N, C-alpha and C. Protein backbone atom coordinates (compact mmCIF):
# COMPACT_ATOMS: atom_id res chain seq x y z
N TRP A 1 -96.90 -146.58 -125.25
CA TRP A 1 -96.08 -146.01 -124.21
C TRP A 1 -94.68 -145.84 -124.75
N ASN A 2 -94.03 -144.82 -124.30
CA ASN A 2 -92.65 -144.57 -124.65
C ASN A 2 -91.78 -145.11 -123.52
N LYS A 3 -90.88 -146.01 -123.85
CA LYS A 3 -90.01 -146.60 -122.83
C LYS A 3 -88.57 -146.28 -123.19
N VAL A 4 -87.86 -145.63 -122.27
CA VAL A 4 -86.45 -145.27 -122.48
C VAL A 4 -85.60 -146.16 -121.60
N ASP A 5 -84.63 -146.83 -122.21
CA ASP A 5 -83.70 -147.69 -121.47
C ASP A 5 -82.70 -146.78 -120.75
N PRO A 6 -82.62 -146.85 -119.41
CA PRO A 6 -81.73 -145.93 -118.68
C PRO A 6 -80.25 -146.18 -118.95
N VAL A 7 -79.89 -147.38 -119.34
CA VAL A 7 -78.48 -147.70 -119.57
C VAL A 7 -78.02 -147.20 -120.94
N SER A 8 -78.75 -147.59 -121.98
CA SER A 8 -78.31 -147.24 -123.33
C SER A 8 -78.95 -145.94 -123.84
N GLY A 9 -80.07 -145.52 -123.25
CA GLY A 9 -80.77 -144.33 -123.70
C GLY A 9 -81.64 -144.57 -124.92
N ALA A 10 -81.77 -145.83 -125.34
CA ALA A 10 -82.58 -146.16 -126.51
C ALA A 10 -84.07 -146.03 -126.17
N THR A 11 -84.82 -145.56 -127.13
CA THR A 11 -86.26 -145.38 -126.97
C THR A 11 -87.00 -146.47 -127.72
N SER A 12 -88.01 -147.05 -127.07
CA SER A 12 -88.85 -148.02 -127.75
C SER A 12 -90.30 -147.70 -127.42
N TRP A 13 -91.16 -147.93 -128.40
CA TRP A 13 -92.58 -147.68 -128.23
C TRP A 13 -93.29 -148.99 -127.96
N ILE A 14 -94.17 -149.00 -126.97
CA ILE A 14 -94.93 -150.19 -126.62
C ILE A 14 -96.41 -149.87 -126.84
N PHE A 15 -97.05 -150.64 -127.70
CA PHE A 15 -98.47 -150.44 -127.99
C PHE A 15 -99.25 -151.54 -127.30
N GLU A 16 -100.15 -151.15 -126.40
CA GLU A 16 -100.94 -152.11 -125.64
C GLU A 16 -102.42 -151.85 -125.86
N SER A 17 -103.20 -152.90 -125.76
CA SER A 17 -104.65 -152.74 -125.83
C SER A 17 -105.30 -153.89 -125.07
N ALA A 18 -106.57 -153.70 -124.75
CA ALA A 18 -107.33 -154.75 -124.08
C ALA A 18 -107.62 -155.87 -125.07
N ALA A 19 -107.78 -157.05 -124.56
CA ALA A 19 -108.13 -158.18 -125.41
C ALA A 19 -109.52 -157.94 -126.00
N PRO A 20 -109.73 -158.31 -127.29
CA PRO A 20 -111.05 -158.07 -127.90
C PRO A 20 -112.17 -158.89 -127.28
N THR A 21 -111.83 -159.99 -126.62
CA THR A 21 -112.84 -160.82 -125.96
C THR A 21 -112.38 -161.11 -124.54
N SER A 22 -113.34 -161.33 -123.68
CA SER A 22 -113.01 -161.71 -122.30
C SER A 22 -112.63 -163.19 -122.26
N PRO A 23 -112.06 -163.66 -121.16
CA PRO A 23 -111.63 -165.06 -121.09
C PRO A 23 -112.74 -166.08 -121.32
N ASP A 24 -113.99 -165.74 -121.02
CA ASP A 24 -115.07 -166.70 -121.23
C ASP A 24 -115.60 -166.69 -122.67
N GLY A 25 -114.99 -165.86 -123.54
CA GLY A 25 -115.36 -165.87 -124.95
C GLY A 25 -116.39 -164.83 -125.35
N THR A 26 -116.91 -164.08 -124.39
CA THR A 26 -117.90 -163.06 -124.73
C THR A 26 -117.20 -161.73 -124.99
N ASN A 27 -117.84 -160.88 -125.74
CA ASN A 27 -117.28 -159.57 -126.06
C ASN A 27 -117.81 -158.56 -125.06
N ALA A 28 -117.33 -158.65 -123.82
CA ALA A 28 -117.86 -157.83 -122.74
C ALA A 28 -117.16 -156.48 -122.63
N THR A 29 -116.06 -156.28 -123.32
CA THR A 29 -115.29 -155.05 -123.13
C THR A 29 -115.75 -153.89 -123.99
N THR A 30 -116.37 -154.14 -125.15
CA THR A 30 -116.76 -153.05 -126.03
C THR A 30 -118.19 -153.22 -126.53
N ASN A 31 -118.80 -152.10 -126.84
CA ASN A 31 -120.11 -152.07 -127.45
C ASN A 31 -119.88 -151.90 -128.95
N SER A 32 -120.62 -152.62 -129.78
CA SER A 32 -120.42 -152.59 -131.22
C SER A 32 -120.64 -151.20 -131.80
N PHE A 33 -121.71 -150.52 -131.39
CA PHE A 33 -121.99 -149.18 -131.90
C PHE A 33 -120.88 -148.21 -131.50
N ASP A 34 -120.46 -148.27 -130.24
CA ASP A 34 -119.40 -147.38 -129.76
C ASP A 34 -118.11 -147.60 -130.53
N SER A 35 -117.79 -148.85 -130.78
CA SER A 35 -116.57 -149.16 -131.51
C SER A 35 -116.63 -148.64 -132.94
N LYS A 36 -117.74 -148.87 -133.64
CA LYS A 36 -117.88 -148.38 -135.02
C LYS A 36 -117.87 -146.87 -135.09
N PHE A 37 -118.54 -146.22 -134.13
CA PHE A 37 -118.56 -144.76 -134.10
C PHE A 37 -117.16 -144.21 -133.87
N PHE A 38 -116.44 -144.78 -132.90
CA PHE A 38 -115.08 -144.33 -132.58
C PHE A 38 -114.16 -144.45 -133.79
N TRP A 39 -114.11 -145.64 -134.41
CA TRP A 39 -113.21 -145.84 -135.53
C TRP A 39 -113.64 -145.04 -136.75
N GLY A 40 -114.93 -144.88 -136.94
CA GLY A 40 -115.41 -144.07 -138.06
C GLY A 40 -114.97 -142.62 -137.94
N VAL A 41 -115.18 -142.03 -136.76
CA VAL A 41 -114.78 -140.64 -136.53
C VAL A 41 -113.26 -140.52 -136.61
N LEU A 42 -112.55 -141.51 -136.07
CA LEU A 42 -111.10 -141.47 -136.09
C LEU A 42 -110.56 -141.47 -137.52
N TYR A 43 -111.16 -142.26 -138.41
CA TYR A 43 -110.70 -142.32 -139.80
C TYR A 43 -111.19 -141.14 -140.64
N ILE A 44 -112.35 -140.59 -140.31
CA ILE A 44 -112.90 -139.48 -141.10
C ILE A 44 -112.19 -138.16 -140.80
N THR A 45 -111.71 -137.98 -139.57
CA THR A 45 -111.09 -136.72 -139.18
C THR A 45 -109.91 -136.33 -140.07
N PRO A 46 -108.92 -137.21 -140.34
CA PRO A 46 -107.82 -136.79 -141.23
C PRO A 46 -108.30 -136.51 -142.66
N ILE A 47 -109.34 -137.21 -143.09
CA ILE A 47 -109.87 -136.96 -144.43
C ILE A 47 -110.46 -135.55 -144.50
N LEU A 48 -111.19 -135.15 -143.47
CA LEU A 48 -111.75 -133.80 -143.45
C LEU A 48 -110.66 -132.74 -143.40
N TRP A 49 -109.61 -132.97 -142.58
CA TRP A 49 -108.50 -132.03 -142.53
C TRP A 49 -107.79 -131.96 -143.88
N ALA A 50 -107.66 -133.09 -144.56
CA ALA A 50 -107.01 -133.09 -145.88
C ALA A 50 -107.86 -132.32 -146.89
N LEU A 51 -109.19 -132.44 -146.83
CA LEU A 51 -110.06 -131.67 -147.71
C LEU A 51 -109.93 -130.17 -147.44
N CYS A 52 -109.85 -129.80 -146.18
CA CYS A 52 -109.65 -128.39 -145.83
C CYS A 52 -108.30 -127.89 -146.36
N PHE A 53 -107.28 -128.73 -146.24
CA PHE A 53 -105.95 -128.36 -146.73
C PHE A 53 -105.96 -128.18 -148.24
N MET A 54 -106.64 -129.10 -148.95
CA MET A 54 -106.73 -128.98 -150.41
C MET A 54 -107.50 -127.72 -150.82
N SER A 55 -108.57 -127.42 -150.09
CA SER A 55 -109.32 -126.21 -150.43
C SER A 55 -108.48 -124.96 -150.16
N ALA A 56 -107.65 -124.98 -149.12
CA ALA A 56 -106.77 -123.84 -148.86
C ALA A 56 -105.75 -123.69 -149.98
N ILE A 57 -105.29 -124.80 -150.54
CA ILE A 57 -104.36 -124.73 -151.67
C ILE A 57 -105.07 -124.18 -152.90
N LEU A 58 -106.28 -124.67 -153.17
CA LEU A 58 -107.00 -124.23 -154.36
C LEU A 58 -107.37 -122.74 -154.32
N TRP A 59 -107.75 -122.24 -153.13
CA TRP A 59 -108.14 -120.85 -153.03
C TRP A 59 -107.00 -119.96 -152.53
N LEU A 60 -105.80 -120.53 -152.46
CA LEU A 60 -104.58 -119.80 -152.09
C LEU A 60 -104.71 -119.07 -150.75
N ARG A 61 -105.20 -119.77 -149.77
CA ARG A 61 -105.30 -119.23 -148.41
C ARG A 61 -104.05 -119.66 -147.64
N PHE A 62 -102.96 -118.97 -147.88
CA PHE A 62 -101.68 -119.37 -147.31
C PHE A 62 -101.62 -119.19 -145.80
N ASN A 63 -102.42 -118.32 -145.24
CA ASN A 63 -102.39 -118.11 -143.80
C ASN A 63 -102.93 -119.32 -143.03
N CYS A 64 -103.61 -120.25 -143.69
CA CYS A 64 -104.17 -121.43 -143.03
C CYS A 64 -103.24 -122.65 -143.11
N PHE A 65 -102.21 -122.59 -143.92
CA PHE A 65 -101.38 -123.77 -144.17
C PHE A 65 -100.76 -124.35 -142.90
N VAL A 66 -100.20 -123.52 -142.05
CA VAL A 66 -99.52 -124.03 -140.85
C VAL A 66 -100.52 -124.72 -139.93
N THR A 67 -101.65 -124.09 -139.70
CA THR A 67 -102.67 -124.68 -138.83
C THR A 67 -103.17 -126.00 -139.40
N LEU A 68 -103.46 -126.02 -140.70
CA LEU A 68 -103.97 -127.24 -141.33
C LEU A 68 -102.91 -128.33 -141.38
N ALA A 69 -101.66 -127.97 -141.60
CA ALA A 69 -100.58 -128.97 -141.61
C ALA A 69 -100.43 -129.60 -140.23
N ILE A 70 -100.49 -128.80 -139.19
CA ILE A 70 -100.41 -129.34 -137.82
C ILE A 70 -101.60 -130.25 -137.54
N ALA A 71 -102.79 -129.83 -137.94
CA ALA A 71 -103.98 -130.65 -137.73
C ALA A 71 -103.86 -131.99 -138.47
N LEU A 72 -103.34 -131.96 -139.70
CA LEU A 72 -103.16 -133.20 -140.45
C LEU A 72 -102.17 -134.13 -139.76
N VAL A 73 -101.04 -133.59 -139.35
CA VAL A 73 -100.02 -134.42 -138.70
C VAL A 73 -100.56 -135.02 -137.40
N LEU A 74 -101.23 -134.22 -136.60
CA LEU A 74 -101.75 -134.73 -135.33
C LEU A 74 -102.85 -135.77 -135.54
N SER A 75 -103.74 -135.54 -136.50
CA SER A 75 -104.81 -136.51 -136.71
C SER A 75 -104.28 -137.81 -137.30
N PHE A 76 -103.30 -137.73 -138.23
CA PHE A 76 -102.72 -138.96 -138.76
C PHE A 76 -101.92 -139.71 -137.70
N SER A 77 -101.23 -138.99 -136.81
CA SER A 77 -100.50 -139.68 -135.75
C SER A 77 -101.46 -140.34 -134.77
N ASN A 78 -102.61 -139.72 -134.54
CA ASN A 78 -103.64 -140.30 -133.68
C ASN A 78 -104.17 -141.60 -134.30
N VAL A 79 -104.47 -141.57 -135.59
CA VAL A 79 -104.94 -142.77 -136.28
C VAL A 79 -103.86 -143.86 -136.22
N TYR A 80 -102.62 -143.50 -136.47
CA TYR A 80 -101.54 -144.48 -136.46
C TYR A 80 -101.38 -145.13 -135.08
N GLY A 81 -101.42 -144.32 -134.03
CA GLY A 81 -101.27 -144.86 -132.68
C GLY A 81 -102.39 -145.82 -132.31
N TYR A 82 -103.64 -145.44 -132.58
CA TYR A 82 -104.76 -146.33 -132.28
C TYR A 82 -104.75 -147.57 -133.17
N TYR A 83 -104.33 -147.40 -134.41
CA TYR A 83 -104.24 -148.53 -135.33
C TYR A 83 -103.22 -149.55 -134.83
N LYS A 84 -102.07 -149.07 -134.36
CA LYS A 84 -101.04 -149.98 -133.85
C LYS A 84 -101.49 -150.70 -132.58
N CYS A 85 -102.36 -150.06 -131.79
CA CYS A 85 -102.82 -150.68 -130.55
C CYS A 85 -103.87 -151.76 -130.79
N SER A 86 -104.60 -151.67 -131.86
CA SER A 86 -105.72 -152.58 -132.07
C SER A 86 -105.40 -153.62 -133.13
N ALA A 87 -105.10 -154.83 -132.70
CA ALA A 87 -104.86 -155.92 -133.64
C ALA A 87 -106.14 -156.27 -134.38
N ASP A 88 -107.27 -156.15 -133.71
CA ASP A 88 -108.57 -156.43 -134.33
C ASP A 88 -108.85 -155.43 -135.46
N GLN A 89 -108.54 -154.16 -135.24
CA GLN A 89 -108.79 -153.15 -136.26
C GLN A 89 -107.86 -153.34 -137.46
N ARG A 90 -106.62 -153.76 -137.21
CA ARG A 90 -105.71 -154.03 -138.33
C ARG A 90 -106.27 -155.13 -139.22
N ALA A 91 -106.83 -156.18 -138.62
CA ALA A 91 -107.42 -157.27 -139.40
C ALA A 91 -108.64 -156.78 -140.17
N LYS A 92 -109.48 -155.96 -139.54
CA LYS A 92 -110.68 -155.44 -140.21
C LYS A 92 -110.30 -154.53 -141.37
N LEU A 93 -109.30 -153.66 -141.18
CA LEU A 93 -108.88 -152.76 -142.25
C LEU A 93 -108.27 -153.53 -143.41
N ASN A 94 -107.50 -154.55 -143.10
CA ASN A 94 -106.91 -155.40 -144.14
C ASN A 94 -108.01 -156.12 -144.92
N ASP A 95 -109.02 -156.63 -144.22
CA ASP A 95 -110.15 -157.29 -144.89
C ASP A 95 -110.92 -156.30 -145.77
N MET A 96 -111.08 -155.06 -145.29
CA MET A 96 -111.79 -154.05 -146.07
C MET A 96 -111.03 -153.72 -147.36
N PHE A 97 -109.71 -153.56 -147.28
CA PHE A 97 -108.92 -153.28 -148.48
C PHE A 97 -108.95 -154.46 -149.45
N ASN A 98 -108.88 -155.68 -148.93
CA ASN A 98 -108.95 -156.86 -149.80
C ASN A 98 -110.31 -156.97 -150.48
N ALA A 99 -111.38 -156.67 -149.75
CA ALA A 99 -112.72 -156.73 -150.34
C ALA A 99 -112.87 -155.66 -151.42
N GLY A 100 -112.32 -154.47 -151.19
CA GLY A 100 -112.37 -153.42 -152.20
C GLY A 100 -111.59 -153.77 -153.45
N ALA A 101 -110.41 -154.37 -153.27
CA ALA A 101 -109.62 -154.78 -154.43
C ALA A 101 -110.32 -155.89 -155.20
N GLU A 102 -110.93 -156.82 -154.48
CA GLU A 102 -111.66 -157.91 -155.13
C GLU A 102 -112.86 -157.38 -155.90
N MET A 103 -113.58 -156.41 -155.33
CA MET A 103 -114.73 -155.83 -156.00
C MET A 103 -114.28 -155.07 -157.26
N GLY A 104 -113.17 -154.37 -157.18
CA GLY A 104 -112.64 -153.66 -158.34
C GLY A 104 -112.25 -154.61 -159.45
N MET A 105 -111.63 -155.73 -159.10
CA MET A 105 -111.23 -156.71 -160.11
C MET A 105 -112.47 -157.33 -160.77
N ARG A 106 -113.50 -157.65 -159.95
CA ARG A 106 -114.72 -158.21 -160.53
C ARG A 106 -115.38 -157.22 -161.49
N THR A 107 -115.38 -155.95 -161.13
CA THR A 107 -115.97 -154.93 -162.00
C THR A 107 -115.19 -154.82 -163.30
N MET A 108 -113.87 -154.85 -163.21
CA MET A 108 -113.04 -154.76 -164.42
C MET A 108 -113.26 -155.97 -165.32
N ILE A 109 -113.37 -157.14 -164.73
CA ILE A 109 -113.60 -158.36 -165.53
C ILE A 109 -114.99 -158.30 -166.16
N ARG A 110 -115.99 -157.87 -165.38
CA ARG A 110 -117.35 -157.80 -165.89
C ARG A 110 -117.46 -156.80 -167.04
N ASN A 111 -116.74 -155.70 -166.98
CA ASN A 111 -116.80 -154.68 -168.03
C ASN A 111 -115.85 -154.96 -169.18
N GLY A 112 -115.10 -156.03 -169.12
CA GLY A 112 -114.22 -156.41 -170.21
C GLY A 112 -113.00 -155.52 -170.36
N VAL A 113 -112.54 -154.93 -169.28
CA VAL A 113 -111.38 -154.05 -169.35
C VAL A 113 -110.13 -154.82 -169.76
N PHE A 114 -109.98 -156.03 -169.25
CA PHE A 114 -108.77 -156.78 -169.56
C PHE A 114 -108.72 -157.17 -171.03
N GLY A 115 -109.86 -157.47 -171.64
CA GLY A 115 -109.88 -157.79 -173.07
C GLY A 115 -109.49 -156.59 -173.91
N ARG A 116 -109.96 -155.42 -173.53
CA ARG A 116 -109.60 -154.21 -174.26
C ARG A 116 -108.13 -153.88 -174.09
N LEU A 117 -107.62 -154.06 -172.88
CA LEU A 117 -106.19 -153.81 -172.66
C LEU A 117 -105.34 -154.79 -173.44
N GLY A 118 -105.76 -156.05 -173.50
CA GLY A 118 -105.01 -157.06 -174.27
C GLY A 118 -104.99 -156.70 -175.75
N GLY A 119 -106.11 -156.24 -176.29
CA GLY A 119 -106.17 -155.83 -177.69
C GLY A 119 -105.32 -154.60 -177.95
N MET A 120 -105.23 -153.72 -176.99
CA MET A 120 -104.45 -152.51 -177.16
C MET A 120 -102.95 -152.84 -177.21
N PHE A 121 -102.53 -153.80 -176.40
CA PHE A 121 -101.11 -154.13 -176.34
C PHE A 121 -100.70 -155.19 -177.36
N SER A 122 -101.66 -155.83 -178.02
CA SER A 122 -101.30 -156.86 -178.99
C SER A 122 -100.95 -156.28 -180.35
N GLY A 123 -101.10 -154.98 -180.51
CA GLY A 123 -100.69 -154.36 -181.76
C GLY A 123 -101.82 -154.11 -182.72
N GLY A 124 -103.00 -154.56 -182.44
CA GLY A 124 -104.11 -154.34 -183.35
C GLY A 124 -105.36 -154.05 -182.57
N ASN A 125 -106.36 -153.55 -183.27
CA ASN A 125 -107.63 -153.35 -182.60
C ASN A 125 -108.69 -154.19 -183.28
N ALA A 126 -109.91 -154.09 -182.80
CA ALA A 126 -110.97 -154.98 -183.29
C ALA A 126 -111.30 -154.71 -184.76
N GLN A 127 -111.16 -153.49 -185.24
CA GLN A 127 -111.49 -153.19 -186.62
C GLN A 127 -110.49 -153.83 -187.58
N GLN A 128 -109.22 -153.92 -187.19
CA GLN A 128 -108.22 -154.52 -188.05
C GLN A 128 -108.34 -156.04 -188.07
N GLN A 129 -108.99 -156.60 -187.07
CA GLN A 129 -109.11 -158.05 -186.99
C GLN A 129 -110.38 -158.55 -187.64
N GLY A 130 -111.09 -157.71 -188.39
CA GLY A 130 -112.25 -158.17 -189.14
C GLY A 130 -113.58 -157.85 -188.52
N ALA A 131 -113.63 -157.22 -187.35
CA ALA A 131 -114.90 -156.88 -186.73
C ALA A 131 -115.45 -155.63 -187.39
N ALA A 132 -116.74 -155.57 -187.54
CA ALA A 132 -117.36 -154.42 -188.18
C ALA A 132 -117.44 -153.26 -187.20
N ALA A 133 -117.23 -152.06 -187.72
CA ALA A 133 -117.32 -150.86 -186.89
C ALA A 133 -118.78 -150.57 -186.61
N PRO A 134 -119.11 -150.09 -185.41
CA PRO A 134 -120.51 -149.80 -185.10
C PRO A 134 -121.01 -148.63 -185.94
N GLN A 135 -122.26 -148.72 -186.36
CA GLN A 135 -122.86 -147.68 -187.18
C GLN A 135 -123.56 -146.67 -186.29
N VAL A 136 -123.26 -145.41 -186.48
CA VAL A 136 -123.88 -144.34 -185.71
C VAL A 136 -124.79 -143.56 -186.63
N GLN A 137 -126.03 -143.42 -186.24
CA GLN A 137 -126.97 -142.68 -187.07
C GLN A 137 -126.85 -141.19 -186.78
N PRO A 138 -127.05 -140.36 -187.81
CA PRO A 138 -126.95 -138.92 -187.61
C PRO A 138 -127.97 -138.42 -186.59
N GLY A 139 -127.54 -137.49 -185.77
CA GLY A 139 -128.43 -136.91 -184.76
C GLY A 139 -128.49 -137.68 -183.46
N THR A 140 -127.69 -138.76 -183.30
CA THR A 140 -127.69 -139.53 -182.06
C THR A 140 -126.36 -139.31 -181.36
N PHE A 141 -126.33 -139.60 -180.08
CA PHE A 141 -125.12 -139.41 -179.29
C PHE A 141 -124.38 -140.72 -179.05
N ALA A 142 -124.91 -141.83 -179.46
CA ALA A 142 -124.30 -143.11 -179.17
C ALA A 142 -123.19 -143.42 -180.12
């Protein structure tokens, strides 16, 4: 809600939402499927508008830029407003980003990316440190 102070004229935004659980501890206010569908569509919409905007740039369709820019701004503002209202969704989105970062770090460690980066910045590579170079047989791609 937009609240304007009549004395000073200052504007403040108030974001309100229903409690995620009822007082007795049950989740009586929302259906799980409805909630996932709503947030999924809400997050996918700006992505689709951004893809349309990128395709308009790639194919030089300048007559679509204004419409697509307005659609992007409105869809991102819609996501921002609903995101600010839902403390539960903020926690879920934060957990999702943390899980993604953790999965990326595990993949990098498993693939030995940090060891290769350390060797690159230490001034030498594995061949200079005495390791034998891999032998490639003619006619192979490895």
